[in-house]
């Protein structure tokens, strides 16, 4: 099940997608697809595109050559995941 919402503020515009029953494995597989699609630069303030990977939580954040920033993450305990895509205005 997915729920989608858009946002538009002074600095960014984009979309958030909330997913239920999204496993760490599903999230990692999607992150691999994002890297293959060119999302390879860590977000501001991070040294790696993998932000967290502790077995029950996984998060990935990267920018592509066009400046689009994508994050994906999941929390096994809460059985919820998310995808966020934002573009700087």
PDB file of N, CA and C in Angstrom:
ATOM      1  N   UNK A   1       0.862  -1.176   0.000  1.00  0.00           N
ATOM      2  CA  UNK A   1       0.000   0.000   0.000  1.00  0.00           C
ATOM      3  C   UNK A   1       0.901   1.228   0.000  1.00  0.00           C
ATOM      4  N   UNK A   2       0.585   2.190  -0.822  1.00  0.00           N
ATOM      5  CA  UNK A   2       1.366   3.415  -0.907  1.00  0.00           C
ATOM      6  C   UNK A   2       0.441   4.617  -0.752  1.00  0.00           C
ATOM      7  N   UNK A   3       0.956   5.634  -0.104  1.00  0.00           N
ATOM      8  CA  UNK A   3       0.236   6.892   0.037  1.00  0.00           C
ATOM      9  C   UNK A   3       1.164   7.993  -0.448  1.00  0.00           C
ATOM     10  N   UNK A   4       0.668   8.838  -1.312  1.00  0.00           N
ATOM     11  CA  UNK A   4       1.487   9.857  -1.953  1.00  0.00           C
ATOM     12  C   UNK A   4       1.046  11.242  -1.514  1.00  0.00           C
ATOM     13  N   UNK A   5       2.013  12.128  -1.283  1.00  0.00           N
ATOM     14  CA  UNK A   5       1.698  13.525  -1.006  1.00  0.00           C
ATOM     15  C   UNK A   5       2.785  14.391  -1.631  1.00  0.00           C
ATOM     16  N   UNK A   6       2.386  15.555  -2.104  1.00  0.00           N
ATOM     17  CA  UNK A   6       3.365  16.463  -2.704  1.00  0.00           C
ATOM     18  C   UNK A   6       3.621  17.615  -1.749  1.00  0.00           C
ATOM     19  N   UNK A   7       4.751  18.283  -1.965  1.00  0.00           N
ATOM     20  CA  UNK A   7       5.067  19.446  -1.154  1.00  0.00           C
ATOM     21  C   UNK A   7       5.699  20.508  -2.037  1.00  0.00           C
ATOM     22  N   UNK A   8       5.517  21.728  -1.654  1.00  0.00           N
ATOM     23  CA  UNK A   8       6.069  22.867  -2.383  1.00  0.00           C
ATOM     24  C   UNK A   8       6.265  23.972  -1.356  1.00  0.00           C
ATOM     25  N   UNK A   9       7.546  24.263  -1.055  1.00  0.00           N
ATOM     26  CA  UNK A   9       7.817  25.329  -0.099  1.00  0.00           C
ATOM     27  C   UNK A   9       8.785  26.328  -0.724  1.00  0.00           C
ATOM     28  N   UNK A  10       9.315  27.202   0.062  1.00  0.00           N
ATOM     29  CA  UNK A  10      10.184  28.264  -0.439  1.00  0.00           C
ATOM     30  C   UNK A  10      11.443  27.707  -1.098  1.00  0.00           C
ATOM     31  N   UNK A  11      11.953  26.573  -0.584  1.00  0.00           N
ATOM     32  CA  UNK A  11      13.234  26.052  -1.042  1.00  0.00           C
ATOM     33  C   UNK A  11      13.132  24.854  -1.980  1.00  0.00           C
ATOM     34  N   UNK A  12      12.143  23.992  -1.767  1.00  0.00           N
ATOM     35  CA  UNK A  12      12.051  22.739  -2.513  1.00  0.00           C
ATOM     36  C   UNK A  12      10.626  22.473  -2.974  1.00  0.00           C
ATOM     37  N   UNK A  13      10.534  21.630  -3.988  1.00  0.00           N
ATOM     38  CA  UNK A  13       9.247  21.052  -4.353  1.00  0.00           C
ATOM     39  C   UNK A  13       9.499  19.572  -4.583  1.00  0.00           C
ATOM     40  N   UNK A  14       8.476  18.772  -4.389  1.00  0.00           N
ATOM     41  CA  UNK A  14       8.687  17.357  -4.570  1.00  0.00           C
ATOM     42  C   UNK A  14       7.510  16.513  -4.167  1.00  0.00           C
ATOM     43  N   UNK A  15       7.807  15.248  -3.901  1.00  0.00           N
ATOM     44  CA  UNK A  15       6.780  14.275  -3.573  1.00  0.00           C
ATOM     45  C   UNK A  15       7.296  13.325  -2.503  1.00  0.00           C
ATOM     46  N   UNK A  16       6.420  12.914  -1.617  1.00  0.00           N
ATOM     47  CA  UNK A  16       6.712  11.902  -0.596  1.00  0.00           C
ATOM     48  C   UNK A  16       5.783  10.722  -0.833  1.00  0.00           C
ATOM     49  N   UNK A  17       6.311   9.526  -0.744  1.00  0.00           N
ATOM     50  CA  UNK A  17       5.517   8.312  -0.867  1.00  0.00           C
ATOM     51  C   UNK A  17       5.760   7.485   0.394  1.00  0.00           C
ATOM     52  N   UNK A  18       4.695   7.140   1.090  1.00  0.00           N
ATOM     53  CA  UNK A  18       4.787   6.303   2.279  1.00  0.00           C
ATOM     54  C   UNK A  18       4.341   4.894   1.898  1.00  0.00           C
ATOM     55  N   UNK A  19       5.154   3.901   2.266  1.00  0.00           N
ATOM     56  CA  UNK A  19       4.882   2.514   1.926  1.00  0.00           C
ATOM     57  C   UNK A  19       4.698   1.693   3.190  1.00  0.00           C
ATOM     58  N   UNK A  20       3.796   0.737   3.154  1.00  0.00           N
ATOM     59  CA  UNK A  20       3.641  -0.180   4.276  1.00  0.00           C
ATOM     60  C   UNK A  20       4.177  -1.545   3.878  1.00  0.00           C
ATOM     61  N   UNK A  21       4.659  -2.282   4.874  1.00  0.00           N
ATOM     62  CA  UNK A  21       5.210  -3.625   4.662  1.00  0.00           C
ATOM     63  C   UNK A  21       6.330  -3.639   3.627  1.00  0.00           C
ATOM     64  N   UNK A  22       7.207  -2.651   3.696  1.00  0.00           N
ATOM     65  CA  UNK A  22       8.355  -2.557   2.798  1.00  0.00           C
ATOM     66  C   UNK A  22       9.571  -3.024   3.577  1.00  0.00           C
ATOM     67  N   UNK A  23      10.167  -4.120   3.167  1.00  0.00           N
ATOM     68  CA  UNK A  23      11.285  -4.708   3.905  1.00  0.00           C
ATOM     69  C   UNK A  23      12.590  -3.965   3.652  1.00  0.00           C
ATOM     70  N   UNK A  24      13.559  -4.230   4.504  1.00  0.00           N
ATOM     71  CA  UNK A  24      14.899  -3.684   4.308  1.00  0.00           C
ATOM     72  C   UNK A  24      15.448  -4.164   2.967  1.00  0.00           C
ATOM     73  N   UNK A  25      15.206  -5.416   2.630  1.00  0.00           N
ATOM     74  CA  UNK A  25      15.689  -5.966   1.358  1.00  0.00           C
ATOM     75  C   UNK A  25      15.062  -5.240   0.176  1.00  0.00           C
ATOM     76  N   UNK A  26      13.747  -4.958   0.252  1.00  0.00           N
ATOM     77  CA  UNK A  26      13.069  -4.209  -0.806  1.00  0.00           C
ATOM     78  C   UNK A  26      13.674  -2.817  -0.944  1.00  0.00           C
ATOM     79  N   UNK A  27      13.910  -2.179   0.185  1.00  0.00           N
ATOM     80  CA  UNK A  27      14.455  -0.824   0.190  1.00  0.00           C
ATOM     81  C   UNK A  27      15.859  -0.797  -0.399  1.00  0.00           C
ATOM     82  N   UNK A  28      16.692  -1.766  -0.007  1.00  0.00           N
ATOM     83  CA  UNK A  28      18.056  -1.837  -0.544  1.00  0.00           C
ATOM     84  C   UNK A  28      18.037  -2.097  -2.049  1.00  0.00           C
ATOM     85  N   UNK A  29      17.135  -2.945  -2.503  1.00  0.00           N
ATOM     86  CA  UNK A  29      17.030  -3.228  -3.939  1.00  0.00           C
ATOM     87  C   UNK A  29      16.634  -1.970  -4.702  1.00  0.00           C
ATOM     88  N   UNK A  30      15.714  -1.181  -4.137  1.00  0.00           N
ATOM     89  CA  UNK A  30      15.309   0.061  -4.787  1.00  0.00           C
ATOM     90  C   UNK A  30      16.464   1.062  -4.795  1.00  0.00           C
ATOM     91  N   UNK A  31      17.231   1.116  -3.707  1.00  0.00           N
ATOM     92  CA  UNK A  31      18.398   2.004  -3.651  1.00  0.00           C
ATOM     93  C   UNK A  31      19.413   1.612  -4.732  1.00  0.00           C
ATOM     94  N   UNK A  32      19.596   0.324  -4.954  1.00  0.00           N
ATOM     95  CA  UNK A  32      20.500  -0.139  -6.021  1.00  0.00           C
ATOM     96  C   UNK A  32      20.018   0.341  -7.387  1.00  0.00           C
ATOM     97  N   UNK A  33      18.701   0.288  -7.609  1.00  0.00           N
ATOM     98  CA  UNK A  33      18.140   0.781  -8.874  1.00  0.00           C
ATOM     99  C   UNK A  33      18.364   2.284  -9.023  1.00  0.00           C
ATOM    100  N   UNK A  34      18.231   3.017  -7.925  1.00  0.00           N
ATOM    101  CA  UNK A  34      18.480   4.458  -7.967  1.00  0.00           C
ATOM    102  C   UNK A  34      19.938   4.754  -8.312  1.00  0.00           C
ATOM    103  N   UNK A  35      20.862   4.001  -7.717  1.00  0.00           N
ATOM    104  CA  UNK A  35      22.285   4.200  -8.039  1.00  0.00           C
ATOM    105  C   UNK A  35      22.545   3.907  -9.515  1.00  0.00           C
ATOM    106  N   UNK A  36      21.945   2.849 -10.029  1.00  0.00           N
ATOM    107  CA  UNK A  36      22.115   2.509 -11.446  1.00  0.00           C
ATOM    108  C   UNK A  36      21.538   3.599 -12.346  1.00  0.00           C
ATOM    109  N   UNK A  37      20.533   4.318 -11.843  1.00  0.00           N
ATOM    110  CA  UNK A  37      19.906   5.403 -12.603  1.00  0.00           C
ATOM    111  C   UNK A  37      20.644   6.730 -12.449  1.00  0.00           C
ATOM    112  N   UNK A  38      21.769   6.747 -11.711  1.00  0.00           N
ATOM    113  CA  UNK A  38      22.587   7.954 -11.617  1.00  0.00           C
ATOM    114  C   UNK A  38      22.527   8.694 -10.298  1.00  0.00           C
ATOM    115  N   UNK A  39      21.805   8.194  -9.320  1.00  0.00           N
ATOM    116  CA  UNK A  39      21.769   8.826  -7.999  1.00  0.00           C
ATOM    117  C   UNK A  39      22.943   8.285  -7.192  1.00  0.00           C
ATOM    118  N   UNK A  40      24.084   8.976  -7.312  1.00  0.00           N
ATOM    119  CA  UNK A  40      25.326   8.447  -6.750  1.00  0.00           C
ATOM    120  C   UNK A  40      26.070   9.412  -5.836  1.00  0.00           C
ATOM    121  N   UNK A  41      25.634  10.661  -5.763  1.00  0.00           N
ATOM    122  CA  UNK A  41      26.322  11.644  -4.928  1.00  0.00           C
ATOM    123  C   UNK A  41      25.624  11.752  -3.580  1.00  0.00           C
ATOM    124  N   UNK A  42      26.360  11.614  -2.463  1.00  0.00           N
ATOM    125  CA  UNK A  42      25.731  11.741  -1.141  1.00  0.00           C
ATOM    126  C   UNK A  42      25.075  13.104  -0.965  1.00  0.00           C
ATOM    127  N   UNK A  43      24.045  13.138  -0.155  1.00  0.00           N
ATOM    128  CA  UNK A  43      23.383  14.393   0.161  1.00  0.00           C
ATOM    129  C   UNK A  43      24.288  15.288   0.984  1.00  0.00           C
ATOM    130  N   UNK A  44      23.928  16.553   1.076  1.00  0.00           N
ATOM    131  CA  UNK A  44      24.718  17.530   1.823  1.00  0.00           C
ATOM    132  C   UNK A  44      24.909  17.074   3.265  1.00  0.00           C
ATOM    133  N   UNK A  45      26.154  17.089   3.710  1.00  0.00           N
ATOM    134  CA  UNK A  45      26.470  16.729   5.077  1.00  0.00           C
ATOM    135  C   UNK A  45      26.725  15.245   5.304  1.00  0.00           C
ATOM    136  N   UNK A  46      26.632  14.434   4.258  1.00  0.00           N
ATOM    137  CA  UNK A  46      26.849  12.996   4.397  1.00  0.00           C
ATOM    138  C   UNK A  46      28.043  12.547   3.573  1.00  0.00           C
ATOM    139  N   UNK A  47      28.750  11.532   4.076  1.00  0.00           N
ATOM    140  CA  UNK A  47      29.916  10.990   3.380  1.00  0.00           C
ATOM    141  C   UNK A  47      29.561   9.837   2.462  1.00  0.00           C
ATOM    142  N   UNK A  48      28.388   9.263   2.631  1.00  0.00           N
ATOM    143  CA  UNK A  48      27.986   8.082   1.881  1.00  0.00           C
ATOM    144  C   UNK A  48      26.518   8.202   1.492  1.00  0.00           C
ATOM    145  N   UNK A  49      26.122   7.513   0.423  1.00  0.00           N
ATOM    146  CA  UNK A  49      24.718   7.494   0.039  1.00  0.00           C
ATOM    147  C   UNK A  49      23.906   6.618   0.996  1.00  0.00           C
ATOM    148  N   UNK A  50      24.556   5.670   1.667  1.00  0.00           N
ATOM    149  CA  UNK A  50      23.877   4.869   2.691  1.00  0.00           C
ATOM    150  C   UNK A  50      23.984   5.640   4.002  1.00  0.00           C
ATOM    151  N   UNK A  51      22.857   6.141   4.450  1.00  0.00           N
ATOM    152  CA  UNK A  51      22.822   6.981   5.639  1.00  0.00           C
ATOM    153  C   UNK A  51      22.744   6.132   6.902  1.00  0.00           C
ATOM    154  N   UNK A  52      21.983   5.033   6.835  1.00  0.00           N
ATOM    155  CA  UNK A  52      21.842   4.158   7.994  1.00  0.00           C
ATOM    156  C   UNK A  52      21.584   2.731   7.521  1.00  0.00           C
ATOM    157  N   UNK A  53      22.253   1.778   8.165  1.00  0.00           N
ATOM    158  CA  UNK A  53      22.051   0.369   7.853  1.00  0.00           C
ATOM    159  C   UNK A  53      22.415  -0.434   9.088  1.00  0.00           C
ATOM    160  N   UNK A  54      21.408  -0.639   9.958  1.00  0.00           N
ATOM    161  CA  UNK A  54      21.686  -1.332  11.213  1.00  0.00           C
ATOM    162  C   UNK A  54      20.886  -2.626  11.376  1.00  0.00           C
ATOM    163  N   UNK A  55      20.329  -3.140  10.291  1.00  0.00           N
ATOM    164  CA  UNK A  55      19.572  -4.380  10.353  1.00  0.00           C
ATOM    165  C   UNK A  55      18.073  -4.168  10.442  1.00  0.00           C
ATOM    166  N   UNK A  56      17.641  -3.193  11.242  1.00  0.00           N
ATOM    167  CA  UNK A  56      16.207  -2.933  11.333  1.00  0.00           C
ATOM    168  C   UNK A  56      15.820  -1.608  10.688  1.00  0.00           C
ATOM    169  N   UNK A  57      16.777  -0.766  10.438  1.00  0.00           N
ATOM    170  CA  UNK A  57      16.546   0.503   9.741  1.00  0.00           C
ATOM    171  C   UNK A  57      17.538   0.604   8.588  1.00  0.00           C
ATOM    172  N   UNK A  58      17.055   1.099   7.462  1.00  0.00           N
ATOM    173  CA  UNK A  58      17.931   1.340   6.321  1.00  0.00           C
ATOM    174  C   UNK A  58      17.482   2.644   5.686  1.00  0.00           C
ATOM    175  N   UNK A  59      18.435   3.508   5.371  1.00  0.00           N
ATOM    176  CA  UNK A  59      18.107   4.722   4.641  1.00  0.00           C
ATOM    177  C   UNK A  59      19.228   5.073   3.687  1.00  0.00           C
ATOM    178  N   UNK A  60      18.817   5.637   2.568  1.00  0.00           N
ATOM    179  CA  UNK A  60      19.684   5.976   1.447  1.00  0.00           C
ATOM    180  C   UNK A  60      19.297   7.376   0.996  1.00  0.00           C
ATOM    181  N   UNK A  61      20.280   8.204   0.693  1.00  0.00           N
ATOM    182  CA  UNK A  61      20.007   9.539   0.177  1.00  0.00           C
ATOM    183  C   UNK A  61      21.066   9.941  -0.827  1.00  0.00           C
ATOM    184  N   UNK A  62      20.639  10.353  -2.019  1.00  0.00           N
ATOM    185  CA  UNK A  62      21.609  10.704  -3.060  1.00  0.00           C
ATOM    186  C   UNK A  62      21.029  11.711  -4.045  1.00  0.00           C
ATOM    187  N   UNK A  63      21.940  12.397  -4.695  1.00  0.00           N
ATOM    188  CA  UNK A  63      21.605  13.393  -5.714  1.00  0.00           C
ATOM    189  C   UNK A  63      22.098  12.899  -7.062  1.00  0.00           C
ATOM    190  N   UNK A  64      21.356  13.238  -8.121  1.00  0.00           N
ATOM    191  CA  UNK A  64      21.827  12.899  -9.467  1.00  0.00           C
ATOM    192  C   UNK A  64      22.465  14.136 -10.107  1.00  0.00           C
ATOM    193  N   UNK A  65      22.903  14.008 -11.347  1.00  0.00           N
ATOM    194  CA  UNK A  65      23.596  15.099 -12.052  1.00  0.00           C
ATOM    195  C   UNK A  65      22.698  16.311 -12.276  1.00  0.00           C
ATOM    196  N   UNK A  66      21.378  16.119 -12.272  1.00  0.00           N
ATOM    197  CA  UNK A  66      20.438  17.222 -12.467  1.00  0.00           C
ATOM    198  C   UNK A  66      20.078  17.927 -11.164  1.00  0.00           C
ATOM    199  N   UNK A  67      20.642  17.459 -10.044  1.00  0.00           N
ATOM    200  CA  UNK A  67      20.371  18.084  -8.760  1.00  0.00           C
ATOM    201  C   UNK A  67      19.118  17.582  -8.065  1.00  0.00           C
ATOM    202  N   UNK A  68      18.519  16.515  -8.573  1.00  0.00           N
ATOM    203  CA  UNK A  68      17.350  15.927  -7.920  1.00  0.00           C
ATOM    204  C   UNK A  68      17.858  15.077  -6.764  1.00  0.00           C
ATOM    205  N   UNK A  69      17.258  15.258  -5.583  1.00  0.00           N
ATOM    206  CA  UNK A  69      17.671  14.532  -4.383  1.00  0.00           C
ATOM    207  C   UNK A  69      16.586  13.518  -4.027  1.00  0.00           C
ATOM    208  N   UNK A  70      17.002  12.278  -3.818  1.00  0.00           N
ATOM    209  CA  UNK A  70      16.072  11.201  -3.499  1.00  0.00           C
ATOM    210  C   UNK A  70      16.499  10.540  -2.199  1.00  0.00           C
ATOM    211  N   UNK A  71      15.538  10.277  -1.342  1.00  0.00           N
ATOM    212  CA  UNK A  71      15.797   9.474  -0.151  1.00  0.00           C
ATOM    213  C   UNK A  71      14.827   8.307  -0.142  1.00  0.00           C
ATOM    214  N   UNK A  72      15.310   7.169   0.329  1.00  0.00           N
ATOM    215  CA  UNK A  72      14.457   6.012   0.576  1.00  0.00           C
ATOM    216  C   UNK A  72      14.856   5.457   1.928  1.00  0.00           C
ATOM    217  N   UNK A  73      13.900   4.926   2.620  1.00  0.00           N
ATOM    218  CA  UNK A  73      14.209   4.364   3.922  1.00  0.00           C
ATOM    219  C   UNK A  73      13.108   3.445   4.396  1.00  0.00           C
ATOM    220  N   UNK A  74      13.441   2.596   5.348  1.00  0.00           N
ATOM    221  CA  UNK A  74      12.449   1.719   5.944  1.00  0.00           C
ATOM    222  C   UNK A  74      12.784   1.462   7.394  1.00  0.00           C
ATOM    223  N   UNK A  75      11.751   1.151   8.156  1.00  0.00           N
ATOM    224  CA  UNK A  75      11.886   0.802   9.560  1.00  0.00           C
ATOM    225  C   UNK A  75      11.104  -0.490   9.763  1.00  0.00           C
ATOM    226  N   UNK A  76      11.814  -1.583   9.999  1.00  0.00           N
ATOM    227  CA  UNK A  76      11.195  -2.897  10.114  1.00  0.00           C
ATOM    228  C   UNK A  76      10.236  -2.949  11.300  1.00  0.00           C
ATOM    229  N   UNK A  77      10.635  -2.391  12.423  1.00  0.00           N
ATOM    230  CA  UNK A  77       9.802  -2.434  13.622  1.00  0.00           C
ATOM    231  C   UNK A  77       8.458  -1.753  13.400  1.00  0.00           C
ATOM    232  N   UNK A  78       8.477  -0.623  12.728  1.00  0.00           N
ATOM    233  CA  UNK A  78       7.240   0.125  12.466  1.00  0.00           C
ATOM    234  C   UNK A  78       6.523  -0.372  11.207  1.00  0.00           C
ATOM    235  N   UNK A  79       7.174  -1.244  10.427  1.00  0.00           N
ATOM    236  CA  UNK A  79       6.621  -1.789   9.178  1.00  0.00           C
ATOM    237  C   UNK A  79       6.204  -0.686   8.220  1.00  0.00           C
ATOM    238  N   UNK A  80       7.085   0.299   8.079  1.00  0.00           N
ATOM    239  CA  UNK A  80       6.787   1.429   7.214  1.00  0.00           C
ATOM    240  C   UNK A  80       8.055   1.850   6.471  1.00  0.00           C
ATOM    241  N   UNK A  81       7.875   2.372   5.294  1.00  0.00           N
ATOM    242  CA  UNK A  81       9.004   2.866   4.516  1.00  0.00           C
ATOM    243  C   UNK A  81       8.605   4.131   3.790  1.00  0.00           C
ATOM    244  N   UNK A  82       9.565   4.752   3.153  1.00  0.00           N
ATOM    245  CA  UNK A  82       9.250   5.977   2.449  1.00  0.00           C
ATOM    246  C   UNK A  82      10.216   6.287   1.328  1.00  0.00           C
ATOM    247  N   UNK A  83       9.708   7.022   0.375  1.00  0.00           N
ATOM    248  CA  UNK A  83      10.500   7.546  -0.740  1.00  0.00           C
ATOM    249  C   UNK A  83      10.204   9.038  -0.806  1.00  0.00           C
ATOM    250  N   UNK A  84      11.222   9.846  -0.899  1.00  0.00           N
ATOM    251  CA  UNK A  84      11.045  11.287  -1.038  1.00  0.00           C
ATOM    252  C   UNK A  84      11.899  11.764  -2.194  1.00  0.00           C
ATOM    253  N   UNK A  85      11.321  12.562  -3.062  1.00  0.00           N
ATOM    254  CA  UNK A  85      12.027  13.131  -4.205  1.00  0.00           C
ATOM    255  C   UNK A  85      11.861  14.639  -4.115  1.00  0.00           C
ATOM    256  N   UNK A  86      12.990  15.354  -4.101  1.00  0.00           N
ATOM    257  CA  UNK A  86      12.885  16.806  -4.015  1.00  0.00           C
ATOM    258  C   UNK A  86      13.810  17.490  -5.008  1.00  0.00           C
ATOM    259  N   UNK A  87      13.325  18.613  -5.471  1.00  0.00           N
ATOM    260  CA  UNK A  87      14.072  19.440  -6.430  1.00  0.00           C
ATOM    261  C   UNK A  87      14.241  20.813  -5.798  1.00  0.00           C
ATOM    262  N   UNK A  88      15.451  21.329  -5.812  1.00  0.00           N
ATOM    263  CA  UNK A  88      15.704  22.676  -5.297  1.00  0.00           C
ATOM    264  C   UNK A  88      15.128  23.689  -6.261  1.00  0.00           C
ATOM    265  N   UNK A  89      14.467  24.681  -5.723  1.00  0.00           N
ATOM    266  CA  UNK A  89      13.900  25.743  -6.560  1.00  0.00           C
ATOM    267  C   UNK A  89      14.965  26.709  -6.992  1.00  0.00           C
TER     268      UNK A  89
END
